[in-house]
């Protein structure tokens, strides 16, 4: 997929992207939360496991996705105001 500036994309495409990014980010966040809880449980019952590192290292992806969603919302809002 070719990266385009948000201002160059049409409104329908932006709404579609926002919806898909929200869905994917929600699923990723849920899975990371479950993985974190399970790895904490394993850490407390059997000792430290490297599995605990994975959800922590993947959190920047969630943060970047939230930033992208906010940028899309700003662009859509600016189009409504104009």
Protein backbone atom coordinates (compact mmCIF):
# COMPACT_ATOMS: atom_id res chain seq x y z
CA UNK A 1 0.00 0.00 0.00
CA UNK A 2 1.38 3.35 -1.00
CA UNK A 3 1.64 5.88 1.82
CA UNK A 4 -0.13 9.12 1.01
CA UNK A 5 -0.55 12.26 3.03
CA UNK A 6 -3.85 12.39 4.84
CA UNK A 7 -4.78 15.59 3.03
CA UNK A 8 -4.44 13.81 -0.33
CA UNK A 9 -6.82 10.96 0.56
CA UNK A 10 -10.58 11.18 0.13
CA UNK A 11 -12.98 11.24 3.07
CA UNK A 12 -14.41 7.77 2.51
CA UNK A 13 -10.93 6.27 2.46
CA UNK A 14 -10.01 8.09 5.67
CA UNK A 15 -13.14 6.82 7.43
CA UNK A 16 -12.43 3.28 6.24
CA UNK A 17 -8.82 3.52 7.44
CA UNK A 18 -9.89 4.92 10.80
CA UNK A 19 -12.37 2.10 11.33
CA UNK A 20 -9.90 -0.63 10.39
CA UNK A 21 -7.08 0.85 12.49
CA UNK A 22 -9.43 1.14 15.49
CA UNK A 23 -10.48 -2.49 15.12
CA UNK A 24 -6.96 -3.81 14.68
CA UNK A 25 -5.62 -1.70 17.55
CA UNK A 26 -8.41 -2.86 19.85
CA UNK A 27 -7.71 -6.50 19.06
CA UNK A 28 -3.96 -5.99 19.51
CA UNK A 29 -4.46 -4.17 22.81
CA UNK A 30 -6.76 -6.92 24.08
CA UNK A 31 -4.34 -9.66 23.12
CA UNK A 32 -1.40 -7.82 24.68
CA UNK A 33 -3.37 -7.34 27.88
CA UNK A 34 -4.23 -11.05 28.04
CA UNK A 35 -0.63 -12.00 27.27
CA UNK A 36 0.63 -9.62 29.95
CA UNK A 37 -1.77 -11.00 32.56
CA UNK A 38 -0.91 -14.61 31.70
CA UNK A 39 2.82 -13.93 31.77
CA UNK A 40 2.45 -12.20 35.15
CA UNK A 41 0.62 -15.26 36.44
CA UNK A 42 3.35 -17.57 35.12
CA UNK A 43 6.01 -15.29 36.62
CA UNK A 44 4.42 -15.43 40.07
CA UNK A 45 3.78 -19.18 39.98
CA UNK A 46 6.89 -20.56 38.24
CA UNK A 47 9.38 -17.70 38.22
CA UNK A 48 10.52 -15.17 35.64
CA UNK A 49 9.76 -15.88 32.02
CA UNK A 50 10.89 -13.97 28.95
CA UNK A 51 7.28 -14.00 27.78
CA UNK A 52 6.69 -10.98 30.03
CA UNK A 53 8.87 -8.82 27.74
CA UNK A 54 6.75 -9.31 24.60
CA UNK A 55 3.67 -7.22 25.55
CA UNK A 56 5.89 -4.45 26.89
CA UNK A 57 7.94 -4.26 23.69
CA UNK A 58 4.84 -4.29 21.46
CA UNK A 59 3.12 -1.38 23.23
CA UNK A 60 4.75 1.26 20.96
CA UNK A 61 2.75 -0.20 18.05
CA UNK A 62 -0.47 0.48 19.96
CA UNK A 63 0.70 4.02 20.78
CA UNK A 64 1.58 4.70 17.12
CA UNK A 65 -1.83 3.41 16.03
CA UNK A 66 -3.60 5.71 18.52
CA UNK A 67 -1.56 8.64 17.16
CA UNK A 68 -2.55 7.72 13.61
CA UNK A 69 -6.23 7.54 14.62
CA UNK A 70 -5.98 10.99 16.20
CA UNK A 71 -4.36 12.41 13.05
CA UNK A 72 -7.14 10.95 10.91
CA UNK A 73 -9.78 12.42 13.24
CA UNK A 74 -8.14 15.87 13.01
CA UNK A 75 -8.10 15.67 9.22
CA UNK A 76 -11.76 14.61 9.08
CA UNK A 77 -12.72 17.39 11.50
CA UNK A 78 -10.87 19.98 9.42
CA UNK A 79 -12.78 18.83 6.33
CA UNK A 80 -16.11 19.18 8.12
CA UNK A 81 -15.26 22.71 9.29
CA UNK A 82 -14.28 23.85 5.80
